[in-house]
PDB file of N, CA and C in Angstrom:
ATOM      1  N   MET A   1       4.565  19.476  24.172  1.00  0.00           N
ATOM      2  CA  MET A   1       5.587  18.312  24.565  1.00  0.00           C
ATOM      3  C   MET A   1       6.604  18.835  26.070  1.00  0.00           C
ATOM      4  N   ARG A   2       6.776  20.068  25.986  1.00  0.00           N
ATOM      5  CA  ARG A   2       8.264  19.789  27.353  1.00  0.00           C
ATOM      6  C   ARG A   2       6.946  19.923  28.066  1.00  0.00           C
ATOM      7  N   THR A   3       5.986  20.666  28.290  1.00  0.00           N
ATOM      8  CA  THR A   3       4.434  20.902  29.077  1.00  0.00           C
ATOM      9  C   THR A   3       4.586  19.129  29.732  1.00  0.00           C
ATOM     10  N   ARG A   4       4.039  18.551  28.500  1.00  0.00           N
ATOM     11  CA  ARG A   4       3.469  17.460  29.248  1.00  0.00           C
ATOM     12  C   ARG A   4       4.841  15.572  29.904  1.00  0.00           C
ATOM     13  N   ARG A   5       6.157  16.651  29.750  1.00  0.00           N
ATOM     14  CA  ARG A   5       6.685  15.631  30.457  1.00  0.00           C
ATOM     15  C   ARG A   5       7.192  16.696  31.721  1.00  0.00           C
ATOM     16  N   ILE A   6       6.706  17.420  32.411  1.00  0.00           N
ATOM     17  CA  ILE A   6       6.858  17.953  32.779  1.00  0.00           C
ATOM     18  C   ILE A   6       5.595  17.597  33.586  1.00  0.00           C
ATOM     19  N   VAL A   7       4.608  17.296  32.993  1.00  0.00           N
ATOM     20  CA  VAL A   7       3.256  16.502  34.193  1.00  0.00           C
ATOM     21  C   VAL A   7       4.330  14.852  34.131  1.00  0.00           C
ATOM     22  N   ILE A   8       4.522  14.285  33.076  1.00  0.00           N
ATOM     23  CA  ILE A   8       4.688  12.914  33.625  1.00  0.00           C
ATOM     24  C   ILE A   8       6.028  13.037  34.578  1.00  0.00           C
ATOM     25  N   ILE A   9       7.144  13.935  34.424  1.00  0.00           N
ATOM     26  CA  ILE A   9       7.796  13.531  35.802  1.00  0.00           C
ATOM     27  C   ILE A   9       6.483  13.882  36.687  1.00  0.00           C
ATOM     28  N   ILE A  10       5.712  14.609  37.383  1.00  0.00           N
ATOM     29  CA  ILE A  10       5.085  15.016  38.298  1.00  0.00           C
ATOM     30  C   ILE A  10       4.035  14.043  39.401  1.00  0.00           C
ATOM     31  N   ALA A  11       4.017  12.956  37.712  1.00  0.00           N
ATOM     32  CA  ALA A  11       3.339  11.958  38.111  1.00  0.00           C
ATOM     33  C   ALA A  11       3.658  11.433  39.142  1.00  0.00           C
ATOM     34  N   VAL A  12       4.483  10.734  38.280  1.00  0.00           N
ATOM     35  CA  VAL A  12       5.599   9.558  38.182  1.00  0.00           C
ATOM     36  C   VAL A  12       6.720   9.926  40.434  1.00  0.00           C
ATOM     37  N   VAL A  13       6.969  11.268  39.966  1.00  0.00           N
ATOM     38  CA  VAL A  13       7.151  11.472  41.553  1.00  0.00           C
ATOM     39  C   VAL A  13       6.160  11.748  43.001  1.00  0.00           C
ATOM     40  N   SER A  14       5.297  12.133  42.783  1.00  0.00           N
ATOM     41  CA  SER A  14       4.015  12.499  43.339  1.00  0.00           C
ATOM     42  C   SER A  14       3.825  10.074  43.359  1.00  0.00           C
ATOM     43  N   SER A  15       3.171   9.310  42.341  1.00  0.00           N
ATOM     44  CA  SER A  15       2.998   8.650  42.888  1.00  0.00           C
ATOM     45  C   SER A  15       4.103   7.877  43.854  1.00  0.00           C
ATOM     46  N   CYS A  16       5.537   7.803  43.728  1.00  0.00           N
ATOM     47  CA  CYS A  16       5.938   7.009  44.672  1.00  0.00           C
ATOM     48  C   CYS A  16       6.464   7.643  45.877  1.00  0.00           C
ATOM     49  N   ILE A  17       6.255   8.901  46.109  1.00  0.00           N
ATOM     50  CA  ILE A  17       6.073   9.120  47.556  1.00  0.00           C
ATOM     51  C   ILE A  17       4.599   8.878  48.250  1.00  0.00           C
ATOM     52  N   PHE A  18       3.271   8.907  47.758  1.00  0.00           N
ATOM     53  CA  PHE A  18       2.399   8.432  47.687  1.00  0.00           C
ATOM     54  C   PHE A  18       2.893   7.480  48.112  1.00  0.00           C
ATOM     55  N   SER A  19       3.282   6.254  47.501  1.00  0.00           N
ATOM     56  CA  SER A  19       3.418   4.779  47.581  1.00  0.00           C
ATOM     57  C   SER A  19       4.475   4.276  48.898  1.00  0.00           C
ATOM     58  N   VAL A  20       5.439   5.406  49.120  1.00  0.00           N
ATOM     59  CA  VAL A  20       6.853   5.684  49.627  1.00  0.00           C
ATOM     60  C   VAL A  20       5.869   5.686  51.236  1.00  0.00           C
ATOM     61  N   TYR A  21       5.165   6.279  51.391  1.00  0.00           N
ATOM     62  CA  TYR A  21       3.834   7.256  52.145  1.00  0.00           C
ATOM     63  C   TYR A  21       3.331   6.117  53.097  1.00  0.00           C
ATOM     64  N   ILE A  22       2.038   4.906  51.899  1.00  0.00           N
ATOM     65  CA  ILE A  22       1.533   3.607  51.957  1.00  0.00           C
ATOM     66  C   ILE A  22       1.978   2.596  53.000  1.00  0.00           C
ATOM     67  N   ALA A  23       3.441   3.021  52.550  1.00  0.00           N
ATOM     68  CA  ALA A  23       4.226   1.383  53.089  1.00  0.00           C
ATOM     69  C   ALA A  23       4.597   1.498  54.591  1.00  0.00           C
ATOM     70  N   VAL A  24       4.620   3.320  54.321  1.00  0.00           N
ATOM     71  CA  VAL A  24       5.278   3.157  56.262  1.00  0.00           C
ATOM     72  C   VAL A  24       4.026   2.790  56.417  1.00  0.00           C
ATOM     73  N   LEU A  25       2.815   3.817  56.904  1.00  0.00           N
ATOM     74  CA  LEU A  25       2.018   3.631  56.818  1.00  0.00           C
ATOM     75  C   LEU A  25       1.188   1.488  56.934  1.00  0.00           C
ATOM     76  N   TYR A  26       1.564   0.767  56.156  1.00  0.00           N
ATOM     77  CA  TYR A  26       1.027  -0.279  56.360  1.00  0.00           C
ATOM     78  C   TYR A  26       2.263  -1.130  57.495  1.00  0.00           C
ATOM     79  N   SER A  27       3.435  -0.476  57.277  1.00  0.00           N
ATOM     80  CA  SER A  27       4.183  -1.430  58.297  1.00  0.00           C
ATOM     81  C   SER A  27       3.984  -1.155  59.925  1.00  0.00           C
ATOM     82  N   GLN A  28       3.548   0.084  59.752  1.00  0.00           N
ATOM     83  CA  GLN A  28       3.441   1.083  61.113  1.00  0.00           C
ATOM     84  C   GLN A  28       1.725   0.102  61.612  1.00  0.00           C
ATOM     85  N   LEU A  29       0.498   0.289  60.973  1.00  0.00           N
ATOM     86  CA  LEU A  29      -0.587  -0.315  61.656  1.00  0.00           C
ATOM     87  C   LEU A  29      -0.255  -2.735  61.333  1.00  0.00           C
ATOM     88  N   ARG A  30       0.924  -2.544  60.848  1.00  0.00           N
ATOM     89  CA  ARG A  30       1.293  -4.434  61.102  1.00  0.00           C
ATOM     90  C   ARG A  30       1.652  -4.478  62.414  1.00  0.00           C
ATOM     91  N   GLU A  31       2.722  -3.800  62.478  1.00  0.00           N
ATOM     92  CA  GLU A  31       3.865  -3.861  63.606  1.00  0.00           C
ATOM     93  C   GLU A  31       2.913  -3.422  65.452  1.00  0.00           C
ATOM     94  N   ALA A  32       1.290  -2.482  64.809  1.00  0.00           N
ATOM     95  CA  ALA A  32       0.834  -2.393  66.246  1.00  0.00           C
ATOM     96  C   ALA A  32      -0.619  -3.763  66.515  1.00  0.00           C
ATOM     97  N   PHE A  33      -1.148  -4.039  65.101  1.00  0.00           N
ATOM     98  CA  PHE A  33      -1.873  -5.274  65.357  1.00  0.00           C
ATOM     99  C   PHE A  33      -1.670  -5.850  65.227  1.00  0.00           C
ATOM    100  N   THR A  34      -0.216  -6.996  65.628  1.00  0.00           N
ATOM    101  CA  THR A  34       0.870  -7.581  65.593  1.00  0.00           C
ATOM    102  C   THR A  34       1.210  -7.874  66.895  1.00  0.00           C
ATOM    103  N   ARG A  35       1.103  -6.767  68.013  1.00  0.00           N
ATOM    104  CA  ARG A  35       1.723  -6.832  69.138  1.00  0.00           C
ATOM    105  C   ARG A  35       0.428  -7.924  69.635  1.00  0.00           C
ATOM    106  N   GLN A  36       0.857  -8.541  71.070  1.00  0.00           N
ATOM    107  CA  GLN A  36      -0.141  -9.272  71.415  1.00  0.00           C
ATOM    108  C   GLN A  36      -0.503  -8.422  72.601  1.00  0.00           C
ATOM    109  N   ALA A  37      -0.001  -7.105  73.721  1.00  0.00           N
ATOM    110  CA  ALA A  37      -0.390  -6.951  74.356  1.00  0.00           C
ATOM    111  C   ALA A  37      -1.953  -6.030  73.497  1.00  0.00           C
ATOM    112  N   GLN A  38      -2.437  -6.383  72.520  1.00  0.00           N
ATOM    113  CA  GLN A  38      -3.591  -5.213  71.945  1.00  0.00           C
ATOM    114  C   GLN A  38      -4.054  -5.506  71.586  1.00  0.00           C
ATOM    115  N   PHE A  39      -4.387  -7.595  71.109  1.00  0.00           N
ATOM    116  CA  PHE A  39      -5.420  -8.366  71.847  1.00  0.00           C
ATOM    117  C   PHE A  39      -5.276  -9.154  73.135  1.00  0.00           C
ATOM    118  N   ILE A  40      -5.905  -9.082  73.809  1.00  0.00           N
ATOM    119  CA  ILE A  40      -6.149  -9.449  75.452  1.00  0.00           C
ATOM    120  C   ILE A  40      -7.843  -8.961  75.403  1.00  0.00           C
ATOM    121  N   PRO A  41      -8.186  -9.700  74.999  1.00  0.00           N
ATOM    122  CA  PRO A  41      -9.671 -10.845  75.558  1.00  0.00           C
ATOM    123  C   PRO A  41     -10.192  -9.926  76.216  1.00  0.00           C
ATOM    124  N   THR A  42     -11.509  -8.724  75.907  1.00  0.00           N
ATOM    125  CA  THR A  42     -11.976  -8.203  76.242  1.00  0.00           C
ATOM    126  C   THR A  42     -14.050  -8.832  76.789  1.00  0.00           C
ATOM    127  N   ARG A  43     -13.674  -9.482  77.287  1.00  0.00           N
ATOM    128  CA  ARG A  43     -15.492  -8.429  78.235  1.00  0.00           C
ATOM    129  C   ARG A  43     -16.214  -8.247  78.524  1.00  0.00           C
ATOM    130  N   ILE A  44     -16.805  -8.037  78.823  1.00  0.00           N
ATOM    131  CA  ILE A  44     -18.358  -7.052  79.063  1.00  0.00           C
ATOM    132  C   ILE A  44     -19.067  -8.111  79.816  1.00  0.00           C
ATOM    133  N   TYR A  45     -19.472  -7.450  81.356  1.00  0.00           N
ATOM    134  CA  TYR A  45     -19.643  -8.569  82.560  1.00  0.00           C
ATOM    135  C   TYR A  45     -20.936  -7.666  82.555  1.00  0.00           C
ATOM    136  N   SER A  46     -21.958  -7.147  82.484  1.00  0.00           N
ATOM    137  CA  SER A  46     -22.928  -6.487  82.483  1.00  0.00           C
ATOM    138  C   SER A  46     -24.606  -6.865  81.752  1.00  0.00           C
ATOM    139  N   ASP A  47     -25.485  -6.756  82.869  1.00  0.00           N
ATOM    140  CA  ASP A  47     -26.808  -7.282  82.233  1.00  0.00           C
ATOM    141  C   ASP A  47     -27.990  -6.024  82.750  1.00  0.00           C
ATOM    142  N   VAL A  48     -28.715  -6.134  82.977  1.00  0.00           N
ATOM    143  CA  VAL A  48     -29.577  -5.478  82.452  1.00  0.00           C
ATOM    144  C   VAL A  48     -31.271  -6.685  83.514  1.00  0.00           C
ATOM    145  N   THR A  49     -32.003  -6.585  84.364  1.00  0.00           N
ATOM    146  CA  THR A  49     -32.938  -6.851  84.470  1.00  0.00           C
ATOM    147  C   THR A  49     -33.620  -5.952  85.302  1.00  0.00           C
ATOM    148  N   LYS A  50     -34.576  -6.054  85.187  1.00  0.00           N
ATOM    149  CA  LYS A  50     -35.081  -4.010  85.966  1.00  0.00           C
ATOM    150  C   LYS A  50     -37.176  -5.408  86.322  1.00  0.00           C
ATOM    151  N   ILE A  51     -36.897  -5.170  88.073  1.00  0.00           N
ATOM    152  CA  ILE A  51     -37.357  -5.750  88.772  1.00  0.00           C
ATOM    153  C   ILE A  51     -38.572  -5.121  89.038  1.00  0.00           C
ATOM    154  N   THR A  52     -39.657  -5.078  88.823  1.00  0.00           N
ATOM    155  CA  THR A  52     -40.627  -4.143  88.808  1.00  0.00           C
ATOM    156  C   THR A  52     -41.669  -4.532  89.750  1.00  0.00           C
ATOM    157  N   SER A  53     -42.158  -3.959  90.685  1.00  0.00           N
ATOM    158  CA  SER A  53     -43.762  -4.399  91.491  1.00  0.00           C
ATOM    159  C   SER A  53     -44.707  -5.363  91.567  1.00  0.00           C
ATOM    160  N   PRO A  54     -45.414  -5.194  89.655  1.00  0.00           N
ATOM    161  CA  PRO A  54     -45.984  -6.190  89.649  1.00  0.00           C
ATOM    162  C   PRO A  54     -45.524  -7.204  89.759  1.00  0.00           C
ATOM    163  N   GLN A  55     -44.167  -7.513  89.073  1.00  0.00           N
ATOM    164  CA  GLN A  55     -43.447  -8.749  88.758  1.00  0.00           C
ATOM    165  C   GLN A  55     -44.198  -9.742  89.709  1.00  0.00           C
ATOM    166  N   PRO A  56     -44.209 -10.925  89.449  1.00  0.00           N
ATOM    167  CA  PRO A  56     -44.400 -11.780  89.736  1.00  0.00           C
ATOM    168  C   PRO A  56     -42.812 -12.475  90.873  1.00  0.00           C
ATOM    169  N   ARG A  57     -43.258 -13.137  92.054  1.00  0.00           N
ATOM    170  CA  ARG A  57     -42.086 -12.890  93.147  1.00  0.00           C
ATOM    171  C   ARG A  57     -40.665 -15.200  92.180  1.00  0.00           C
ATOM    172  N   THR A  58     -42.761 -15.632  91.705  1.00  0.00           N
ATOM    173  CA  THR A  58     -40.902 -16.146  91.072  1.00  0.00           C
ATOM    174  C   THR A  58     -39.937 -16.193  89.781  1.00  0.00           C
ATOM    175  N   LEU A  59     -40.946 -15.795  89.287  1.00  0.00           N
ATOM    176  CA  LEU A  59     -39.517 -15.113  87.652  1.00  0.00           C
ATOM    177  C   LEU A  59     -39.241 -13.928  88.835  1.00  0.00           C
ATOM    178  N   VAL A  60     -38.702 -13.112  89.644  1.00  0.00           N
ATOM    179  CA  VAL A  60     -37.011 -13.215  89.985  1.00  0.00           C
ATOM    180  C   VAL A  60     -36.004 -13.744  90.762  1.00  0.00           C
ATOM    181  N   GLU A  61     -36.903 -14.948  91.281  1.00  0.00           N
ATOM    182  CA  GLU A  61     -36.366 -16.397  91.921  1.00  0.00           C
ATOM    183  C   GLU A  61     -36.014 -16.755  90.380  1.00  0.00           C
ATOM    184  N   ALA A  62     -36.485 -17.147  89.419  1.00  0.00           N
ATOM    185  CA  ALA A  62     -35.863 -18.039  88.525  1.00  0.00           C
ATOM    186  C   ALA A  62     -34.890 -17.097  87.681  1.00  0.00           C
ATOM    187  N   ARG A  63     -34.962 -15.732  87.584  1.00  0.00           N
ATOM    188  CA  ARG A  63     -34.260 -14.658  86.961  1.00  0.00           C
ATOM    189  C   ARG A  63     -32.197 -14.614  87.887  1.00  0.00           C
ATOM    190  N   LEU A  64     -32.474 -14.383  89.455  1.00  0.00           N
ATOM    191  CA  LEU A  64     -31.221 -14.882  90.397  1.00  0.00           C
ATOM    192  C   LEU A  64     -29.768 -15.960  90.205  1.00  0.00           C
ATOM    193  N   LYS A  65     -31.733 -17.356  89.857  1.00  0.00           N
ATOM    194  CA  LYS A  65     -31.213 -18.610  90.229  1.00  0.00           C
ATOM    195  C   LYS A  65     -30.023 -18.804  88.521  1.00  0.00           C
ATOM    196  N   ALA A  66     -30.823 -18.155  87.468  1.00  0.00           N
ATOM    197  CA  ALA A  66     -30.211 -18.569  86.368  1.00  0.00           C
ATOM    198  C   ALA A  66     -28.919 -18.021  86.375  1.00  0.00           C
ATOM    199  N   LEU A  67     -28.629 -16.558  87.356  1.00  0.00           N
ATOM    200  CA  LEU A  67     -27.630 -16.103  87.267  1.00  0.00           C
ATOM    201  C   LEU A  67     -26.645 -17.277  88.261  1.00  0.00           C
ATOM    202  N   GLY A  68     -26.837 -17.696  88.344  1.00  0.00           N
ATOM    203  CA  GLY A  68     -26.227 -18.442  90.075  1.00  0.00           C
ATOM    204  C   GLY A  68     -26.248 -18.069  90.668  1.00  0.00           C
ATOM    205  N   TYR A  69     -27.169 -16.815  91.359  1.00  0.00           N
ATOM    206  CA  TYR A  69     -27.349 -16.961  93.186  1.00  0.00           C
ATOM    207  C   TYR A  69     -28.183 -17.293  93.674  1.00  0.00           C
ATOM    208  N   ALA A  70     -26.876 -18.132  94.593  1.00  0.00           N
ATOM    209  CA  ALA A  70     -28.214 -18.861  95.931  1.00  0.00           C
ATOM    210  C   ALA A  70     -28.936 -18.210  96.810  1.00  0.00           C
ATOM    211  N   VAL A  71     -30.447 -18.346  96.669  1.00  0.00           N
ATOM    212  CA  VAL A  71     -31.394 -17.395  95.804  1.00  0.00           C
ATOM    213  C   VAL A  71     -32.332 -18.344  97.650  1.00  0.00           C
ATOM    214  N   LYS A  72     -32.758 -17.554  99.099  1.00  0.00           N
ATOM    215  CA  LYS A  72     -33.537 -17.869  99.578  1.00  0.00           C
ATOM    216  C   LYS A  72     -34.389 -17.787 100.518  1.00  0.00           C
ATOM    217  N   SER A  73     -35.532 -18.439 100.203  1.00  0.00           N
ATOM    218  CA  SER A  73     -35.871 -17.178 101.095  1.00  0.00           C
ATOM    219  C   SER A  73     -37.402 -17.553 101.433  1.00  0.00           C
ATOM    220  N   ASN A  74     -38.323 -17.100 101.814  1.00  0.00           N
ATOM    221  CA  ASN A  74     -39.312 -18.006 103.038  1.00  0.00           C
ATOM    222  C   ASN A  74     -40.492 -16.635 102.370  1.00  0.00           C
ATOM    223  N   ARG A  75     -42.251 -16.717 102.812  1.00  0.00           N
ATOM    224  CA  ARG A  75     -43.049 -16.345 102.498  1.00  0.00           C
ATOM    225  C   ARG A  75     -42.641 -15.096 102.981  1.00  0.00           C
ATOM    226  N   ASP A  76     -41.362 -14.034 103.647  1.00  0.00           N
ATOM    227  CA  ASP A  76     -42.406 -12.545 104.052  1.00  0.00           C
ATOM    228  C   ASP A  76     -41.075 -12.151 102.922  1.00  0.00           C
ATOM    229  N   GLU A  77     -39.641 -12.729 102.778  1.00  0.00           N
ATOM    230  CA  GLU A  77     -38.177 -11.862 101.996  1.00  0.00           C
ATOM    231  C   GLU A  77     -37.376 -12.807 101.264  1.00  0.00           C
ATOM    232  N   LEU A  78     -37.089 -12.227 100.477  1.00  0.00           N
ATOM    233  CA  LEU A  78     -36.039 -13.174  99.162  1.00  0.00           C
ATOM    234  C   LEU A  78     -34.634 -12.562  99.566  1.00  0.00           C
ATOM    235  N   SER A  79     -33.276 -13.423 100.178  1.00  0.00           N
ATOM    236  CA  SER A  79     -32.397 -12.827  99.932  1.00  0.00           C
ATOM    237  C   SER A  79     -31.440 -13.569  98.948  1.00  0.00           C
ATOM    238  N   PHE A  80     -31.082 -13.338  98.300  1.00  0.00           N
ATOM    239  CA  PHE A  80     -29.457 -13.693  97.570  1.00  0.00           C
ATOM    240  C   PHE A  80     -27.813 -13.326  97.487  1.00  0.00           C
ATOM    241  N   THR A  81     -26.870 -14.409  97.726  1.00  0.00           N
ATOM    242  CA  THR A  81     -26.275 -14.048  98.453  1.00  0.00           C
ATOM    243  C   THR A  81     -25.619 -14.025  96.860  1.00  0.00           C
ATOM    244  N   LEU A  82     -24.896 -13.007  97.057  1.00  0.00           N
ATOM    245  CA  LEU A  82     -23.387 -12.664  96.085  1.00  0.00           C
ATOM    246  C   LEU A  82     -22.993 -13.487  95.991  1.00  0.00           C
ATOM    247  N   HIS A  83     -22.269 -13.678  94.532  1.00  0.00           N
ATOM    248  CA  HIS A  83     -21.088 -14.720  94.061  1.00  0.00           C
ATOM    249  C   HIS A  83     -19.997 -14.015  94.253  1.00  0.00           C
ATOM    250  N   PRO A  84     -18.830 -14.204  93.766  1.00  0.00           N
ATOM    251  CA  PRO A  84     -17.312 -13.013  93.882  1.00  0.00           C
ATOM    252  C   PRO A  84     -17.274 -13.217  92.446  1.00  0.00           C
ATOM    253  N   ILE A  85     -17.081 -12.141  92.270  1.00  0.00           N
ATOM    254  CA  ILE A  85     -16.244 -11.667  90.801  1.00  0.00           C
ATOM    255  C   ILE A  85     -14.855 -12.373  90.329  1.00  0.00           C
ATOM    256  N   ASN A  86     -15.483 -12.855  89.942  1.00  0.00           N
ATOM    257  CA  ASN A  86     -13.873 -13.795  90.025  1.00  0.00           C
ATOM    258  C   ASN A  86     -13.255 -14.151  87.482  1.00  0.00           C
ATOM    259  N   PHE A  87     -12.648 -12.357  87.754  1.00  0.00           N
ATOM    260  CA  PHE A  87     -12.193 -11.657  87.011  1.00  0.00           C
ATOM    261  C   PHE A  87     -11.062 -12.632  87.074  1.00  0.00           C
ATOM    262  N   PRO A  88     -10.355 -13.377  85.141  1.00  0.00           N
ATOM    263  CA  PRO A  88      -9.063 -13.481  84.679  1.00  0.00           C
ATOM    264  C   PRO A  88      -8.332 -12.752  85.248  1.00  0.00           C
ATOM    265  N   VAL A  89      -7.165 -12.743  85.520  1.00  0.00           N
ATOM    266  CA  VAL A  89      -5.778 -12.113  86.131  1.00  0.00           C
ATOM    267  C   VAL A  89      -4.974 -11.570  84.737  1.00  0.00           C
ATOM    268  N   TYR A  90      -5.540 -12.685  83.436  1.00  0.00           N
ATOM    269  CA  TYR A  90      -4.541 -11.149  82.333  1.00  0.00           C
ATOM    270  C   TYR A  90      -5.773  -9.868  82.179  1.00  0.00           C
ATOM    271  N   LEU A  91      -6.968 -10.288  83.049  1.00  0.00           N
ATOM    272  CA  LEU A  91      -7.666  -8.450  82.461  1.00  0.00           C
ATOM    273  C   LEU A  91      -8.181  -7.580  83.288  1.00  0.00           C
ATOM    274  N   LEU A  92      -7.548  -7.621  84.266  1.00  0.00           N
ATOM    275  CA  LEU A  92      -7.244  -7.146  85.693  1.00  0.00           C
ATOM    276  C   LEU A  92      -5.476  -6.247  85.098  1.00  0.00           C
ATOM    277  N   PRO A  93      -5.435  -4.541  84.847  1.00  0.00           N
ATOM    278  CA  PRO A  93      -4.302  -4.306  84.806  1.00  0.00           C
ATOM    279  C   PRO A  93      -3.653  -4.865  85.861  1.00  0.00           C
ATOM    280  N   GLU A  94      -2.285  -4.670  85.775  1.00  0.00           N
ATOM    281  CA  GLU A  94      -0.861  -4.351  86.493  1.00  0.00           C
ATOM    282  C   GLU A  94      -1.110  -3.836  87.871  1.00  0.00           C
ATOM    283  N   ASN A  95      -1.806  -2.051  88.327  1.00  0.00           N
ATOM    284  CA  ASN A  95      -1.582  -1.577  89.061  1.00  0.00           C
ATOM    285  C   ASN A  95      -3.572  -1.176  89.056  1.00  0.00           C
ATOM    286  N   HIS A  96      -3.887  -2.129  89.477  1.00  0.00           N
ATOM    287  CA  HIS A  96      -5.431  -1.962  89.544  1.00  0.00           C
ATOM    288  C   HIS A  96      -5.609  -3.212  91.337  1.00  0.00           C
TER     289      HIS A  96
END
């Protein structure tokens, strides 16, 4: 009978300590996720297009035009103008 009481008391005390621990963790997580600075939108500006030797020139020109590059071509050469990188200011770190 006495052993049963000790086990019950230990179980209740352990449950209380665990509940307090979970409550503290929950409040820390809630605070971390509600801070506005944690949710600055992130965008990845990348894409890979392989340009290989047997690829038709018209395909390369079409891809560059689709990406918004100004393409100038004549019979022998193909040139394109890179557009300026226009990142929203809030995506750049302060000291960047």
